[in-house]
């Protein structure tokens, strides 16, 4: 009898476990994949996305979100337009430039609704004002809107774009400044590169676009292909 009871209990346990396993498999199958390409390598600006992923908020919406980092910071919106990724993190000013050029993308959300971009120099360097940039080299990472921001900032200081030399330093904003490859960088985020410079014991000085003639804007926005806006994901 004990053996029979044990067998019955085992069968009951299996009957309870197997449907649960099937349910888990069904849930896993129901997870919809979504690729999100960041604008940069992972940093504090992406905290909302990372926390949502780690806390399971995406999974609770049946989404399996993959956060990707670009090889080139110019690529994310172009990849979203081409359907290579589902969503891309971009910048409000850059979005306007891309749409004006015919790129089929549309803003679907906001990640950071305040300017972070700034023009940064070394605090102990020779550049104390924007006017001191005349004849200097300025590093940048994202073509288009960073050049537009810089042009507007220089104009307020009585300078033209031709008065400086632009150098594409890709992701290496702080390293290019520290190595004296350039005299200043545009595109440095006030909550990231300035901290990097502090950690390197080479404090920076920031000039903020919104204080130098550029209207305030939303720094990071989420964009997707405008032909796929009815995608329930």
Protein backbone atom coordinates (compact mmCIF):
# COMPACT_ATOMS: atom_id res chain seq x y z
CA UNK A 1 0.00 0.00 0.00
CA UNK A 2 2.74 2.54 0.81
CA UNK A 3 4.23 1.90 -2.63
CA UNK A 4 0.85 2.41 -4.27
CA UNK A 5 0.31 5.65 -2.33
CA UNK A 6 3.78 6.83 -3.31
CA UNK A 7 3.02 6.10 -6.96
CA UNK A 8 -0.28 7.99 -6.82
CA UNK A 9 1.39 11.01 -5.21
CA UNK A 10 4.12 10.94 -7.86
CA UNK A 11 1.51 10.90 -10.65
CA UNK A 12 -0.32 13.82 -9.03
CA UNK A 13 2.92 15.77 -8.75
CA UNK A 14 3.71 15.15 -12.42
CA UNK A 15 0.19 16.20 -13.40
CA UNK A 16 0.73 19.49 -11.57
CA UNK A 17 4.25 20.09 -12.86
CA UNK A 18 3.86 19.30 -16.54
CA UNK A 19 1.12 21.87 -17.30
CA UNK A 20 3.26 24.44 -15.49
CA UNK A 21 6.22 23.59 -17.68
CA UNK A 22 4.04 23.85 -20.77
CA UNK A 23 2.79 27.23 -19.54
CA UNK A 24 6.38 28.42 -19.11
CA UNK A 25 7.24 27.30 -22.63
CA UNK A 26 4.14 29.02 -23.96
CA UNK A 27 5.07 32.22 -22.10
CA UNK A 28 8.61 32.10 -23.48
CA UNK A 29 7.26 31.59 -26.99
CA UNK A 30 4.94 34.56 -26.50
CA UNK A 31 7.85 36.88 -25.75
CA UNK A 32 8.23 39.22 -28.71
CA UNK A 33 11.78 40.22 -29.60
CA UNK A 34 12.57 43.92 -29.95
CA UNK A 35 15.98 45.33 -30.85
CA UNK A 36 16.86 48.75 -29.50
CA UNK A 37 20.09 50.35 -30.69
CA UNK A 38 21.57 52.88 -28.29
CA UNK A 39 23.16 56.09 -29.51
CA UNK A 40 26.42 55.37 -27.66
CA UNK A 41 28.01 52.71 -25.47
CA UNK A 42 25.97 52.04 -22.33
CA UNK A 43 26.13 54.99 -19.91
CA UNK A 44 23.94 56.75 -17.30
CA UNK A 45 21.74 58.29 -20.02
CA UNK A 46 20.36 54.83 -20.74
CA UNK A 47 19.49 54.10 -17.10
CA UNK A 48 15.73 53.96 -17.72
CA UNK A 49 16.13 51.27 -20.39
CA UNK A 50 18.61 49.23 -18.36
CA UNK A 51 16.50 49.38 -15.18
CA UNK A 52 13.36 48.40 -17.11
CA UNK A 53 15.19 45.41 -18.53
CA UNK A 54 16.75 44.31 -15.22
CA UNK A 55 13.52 44.75 -13.25
CA UNK A 56 11.55 42.70 -15.77
CA UNK A 57 9.28 45.54 -16.91
CA UNK A 58 9.80 44.64 -20.58
CA UNK A 59 9.20 40.93 -19.88
CA UNK A 60 5.95 41.84 -18.11
CA UNK A 61 4.80 43.30 -21.45
CA UNK A 62 5.83 40.10 -23.28
CA UNK A 63 8.87 41.82 -24.78
CA UNK A 64 12.35 40.38 -25.09
CA UNK A 65 14.37 43.55 -25.53
CA UNK A 66 17.93 43.45 -26.83
CA UNK A 67 19.93 46.61 -26.21
CA UNK A 68 22.66 47.01 -28.83
CA UNK A 69 25.55 49.46 -29.03
CA UNK A 70 26.58 50.99 -32.37
CA UNK A 71 29.95 50.68 -34.05
CA UNK A 72 29.49 54.28 -35.21
CA UNK A 73 27.32 56.82 -33.31
CA UNK A 74 25.99 58.10 -36.65
CA UNK A 75 24.38 54.74 -37.49
CA UNK A 76 21.41 54.08 -35.12
CA UNK A 77 18.68 56.17 -36.86
CA UNK A 78 19.85 54.97 -40.28
CA UNK A 79 19.60 51.34 -39.14
CA UNK A 80 16.09 51.96 -37.80
CA UNK A 81 15.11 53.52 -41.13
CA UNK A 82 16.51 50.49 -42.97
CA UNK A 83 14.69 48.04 -40.69
CA UNK A 84 17.92 46.60 -39.30
CA UNK A 85 16.81 47.46 -35.75
CA UNK A 86 13.31 48.11 -34.42
CA UNK A 87 14.01 51.22 -32.33
CA UNK A 88 16.98 53.58 -32.15
CA UNK A 89 18.04 56.14 -29.59
CA UNK A 90 18.78 59.44 -31.32
CA UNK A 91 18.78 63.19 -30.69
CA UNK A 92 15.94 65.63 -31.36
CA UNK A 93 18.03 68.00 -33.53
CA UNK A 94 19.51 65.07 -35.46
CA UNK A 95 16.02 63.68 -36.07
CA UNK A 96 14.98 66.95 -37.73
CA UNK A 97 18.02 66.82 -40.00
CA UNK A 98 17.40 63.17 -40.94
CA UNK A 99 13.70 63.69 -41.69
CA UNK A 100 14.50 66.77 -43.76
CA UNK A 101 16.92 64.59 -45.75
CA UNK A 102 14.15 62.07 -46.41
CA UNK A 103 14.97 59.37 -43.84
CA UNK A 104 11.69 57.48 -43.06
CA UNK A 105 11.83 57.68 -39.27
CA UNK A 106 9.50 59.09 -36.64
CA UNK A 107 9.90 59.93 -32.99
CA UNK A 108 7.96 57.53 -30.75
CA UNK A 109 9.16 58.59 -27.31
CA UNK A 110 11.54 60.64 -25.18
CA UNK A 111 14.37 59.27 -23.05
CA UNK A 112 16.04 62.49 -21.80
CA UNK A 113 14.01 65.69 -22.12
CA UNK A 114 16.74 68.24 -21.44
CA UNK A 115 19.98 69.20 -23.23
CA UNK A 116 23.09 67.25 -22.20
CA UNK A 117 25.37 68.21 -25.07
CA UNK A 118 28.10 70.73 -24.40
CA UNK A 119 31.37 72.03 -25.77
CA UNK A 120 34.14 71.02 -23.38
CA UNK A 121 37.73 72.19 -22.97
CA UNK A 122 40.31 71.47 -20.30
CA UNK A 123 39.83 73.81 -17.36
CA UNK A 124 43.54 74.61 -17.05
CA UNK A 125 43.93 75.11 -20.82
CA UNK A 126 44.18 78.35 -22.82
CA UNK A 127 40.49 78.49 -23.81
CA UNK A 128 38.57 80.64 -21.35
CA UNK A 129 35.81 81.78 -23.70
CA UNK A 130 34.32 80.65 -27.01
CA UNK A 131 36.19 83.45 -28.75
CA UNK A 132 39.44 81.70 -27.81
CA UNK A 133 38.52 78.83 -30.13
CA UNK A 134 39.64 80.76 -33.20
CA UNK A 135 42.25 78.71 -35.06
CA UNK A 136 41.72 75.70 -32.80
CA UNK A 137 40.83 72.05 -33.45
CA UNK A 138 37.45 70.82 -32.24
CA UNK A 139 36.60 67.13 -32.01
CA UNK A 140 33.13 65.77 -32.72
CA UNK A 141 31.45 62.36 -32.96
CA UNK A 142 28.05 62.75 -34.66
CA UNK A 143 27.96 64.67 -37.93
CA UNK A 144 25.12 67.03 -38.72
CA UNK A 145 23.54 68.47 -35.62
CA UNK A 146 26.77 68.79 -33.60
CA UNK A 147 28.16 70.93 -36.39
CA UNK A 148 24.95 72.97 -36.39
CA UNK A 149 25.15 73.47 -32.61
CA UNK A 150 28.78 74.48 -32.86
CA UNK A 151 28.08 76.93 -35.68
CA UNK A 152 25.38 78.64 -33.61
CA UNK A 153 27.59 78.81 -30.52
CA UNK A 154 30.53 80.20 -32.49
CA UNK A 155 28.30 82.84 -34.09
CA UNK A 156 27.43 84.24 -30.67
CA UNK A 157 31.16 84.63 -30.04
CA UNK A 158 31.67 86.40 -33.37
CA UNK A 159 33.28 83.39 -35.06
CA UNK A 160 32.45 81.37 -38.18
CA UNK A 161 32.72 77.64 -38.82
CA UNK A 162 35.73 78.38 -41.03
CA UNK A 163 37.57 79.80 -38.00
CA UNK A 164 37.99 76.31 -36.50
CA UNK A 165 39.05 72.87 -37.73
CA UNK A 166 36.70 69.94 -37.10
CA UNK A 167 38.16 66.49 -36.34
CA UNK A 168 36.00 63.35 -36.20
CA UNK A 169 37.13 61.51 -33.05
CA UNK A 170 34.21 59.02 -33.01
CA UNK A 171 33.63 57.81 -29.43
CA UNK A 172 36.94 59.19 -28.14
CA UNK A 173 35.84 62.63 -26.97
CA UNK A 174 37.61 62.68 -23.59
CA UNK A 175 40.73 60.77 -24.81
CA UNK A 176 41.13 63.16 -27.76
CA UNK A 177 40.98 66.13 -25.40
CA UNK A 178 43.33 64.60 -22.83
CA UNK A 179 45.89 63.64 -25.48
CA UNK A 180 45.76 67.18 -26.93
CA UNK A 181 44.67 65.76 -30.30
CA UNK A 182 42.06 68.51 -30.19
CA UNK A 183 41.61 71.70 -28.17
CA UNK A 184 37.90 71.21 -27.52
CA UNK A 185 35.11 68.71 -28.15
CA UNK A 186 31.49 69.23 -29.10
CA UNK A 187 29.07 66.44 -28.20
CA UNK A 188 30.45 65.89 -24.71
CA UNK A 189 27.63 65.15 -22.27
CA UNK A 190 27.78 67.22 -19.13
CA UNK A 191 26.84 64.19 -16.99
CA UNK A 192 29.45 61.86 -18.49
CA UNK A 193 32.55 63.32 -20.16
CA UNK A 194 32.99 65.92 -17.42
CA UNK A 195 33.03 63.08 -14.88
CA UNK A 196 35.55 61.20 -17.02
CA UNK A 197 37.85 64.21 -17.01
CA UNK A 198 37.49 64.61 -13.25
CA UNK A 199 38.46 60.96 -12.76
CA UNK A 200 41.53 61.55 -14.95
CA UNK A 201 42.47 64.49 -12.67
CA UNK A 202 42.05 66.85 -15.63
CA UNK A 203 38.87 68.82 -14.91
CA UNK A 204 36.95 70.23 -17.83
CA UNK A 205 35.17 73.48 -18.52
CA UNK A 206 31.81 73.24 -20.28
CA UNK A 207 30.02 75.73 -22.51
CA UNK A 208 26.31 74.92 -22.71
CA UNK A 209 24.44 75.38 -26.02
CA UNK A 210 21.28 76.68 -24.35
CA UNK A 211 23.39 79.43 -22.74
CA UNK A 212 25.13 80.26 -26.01
CA UNK A 213 22.25 81.05 -28.35
CA UNK A 214 20.80 77.58 -28.99
CA UNK A 215 17.17 76.90 -27.95
CA UNK A 216 16.69 74.14 -25.36
CA UNK A 217 15.73 70.75 -26.83
CA UNK A 218 15.16 67.11 -25.88
CA UNK A 219 18.53 65.36 -25.92
CA UNK A 220 17.62 61.70 -26.35
CA UNK A 221 14.57 60.49 -28.25
CA UNK A 222 13.40 57.09 -29.46
CA UNK A 223 12.80 56.70 -33.19
CA UNK A 224 11.42 53.97 -35.41
CA UNK A 225 10.67 53.40 -39.08
CA UNK A 226 7.54 55.45 -39.82
CA UNK A 227 6.08 52.61 -41.91
CA UNK A 228 6.08 50.28 -38.90
CA UNK A 229 4.31 52.46 -36.35
CA UNK A 230 1.34 50.08 -36.22
CA UNK A 231 3.64 47.29 -34.93
CA UNK A 232 2.09 46.43 -31.53
CA UNK A 233 5.51 46.05 -29.93
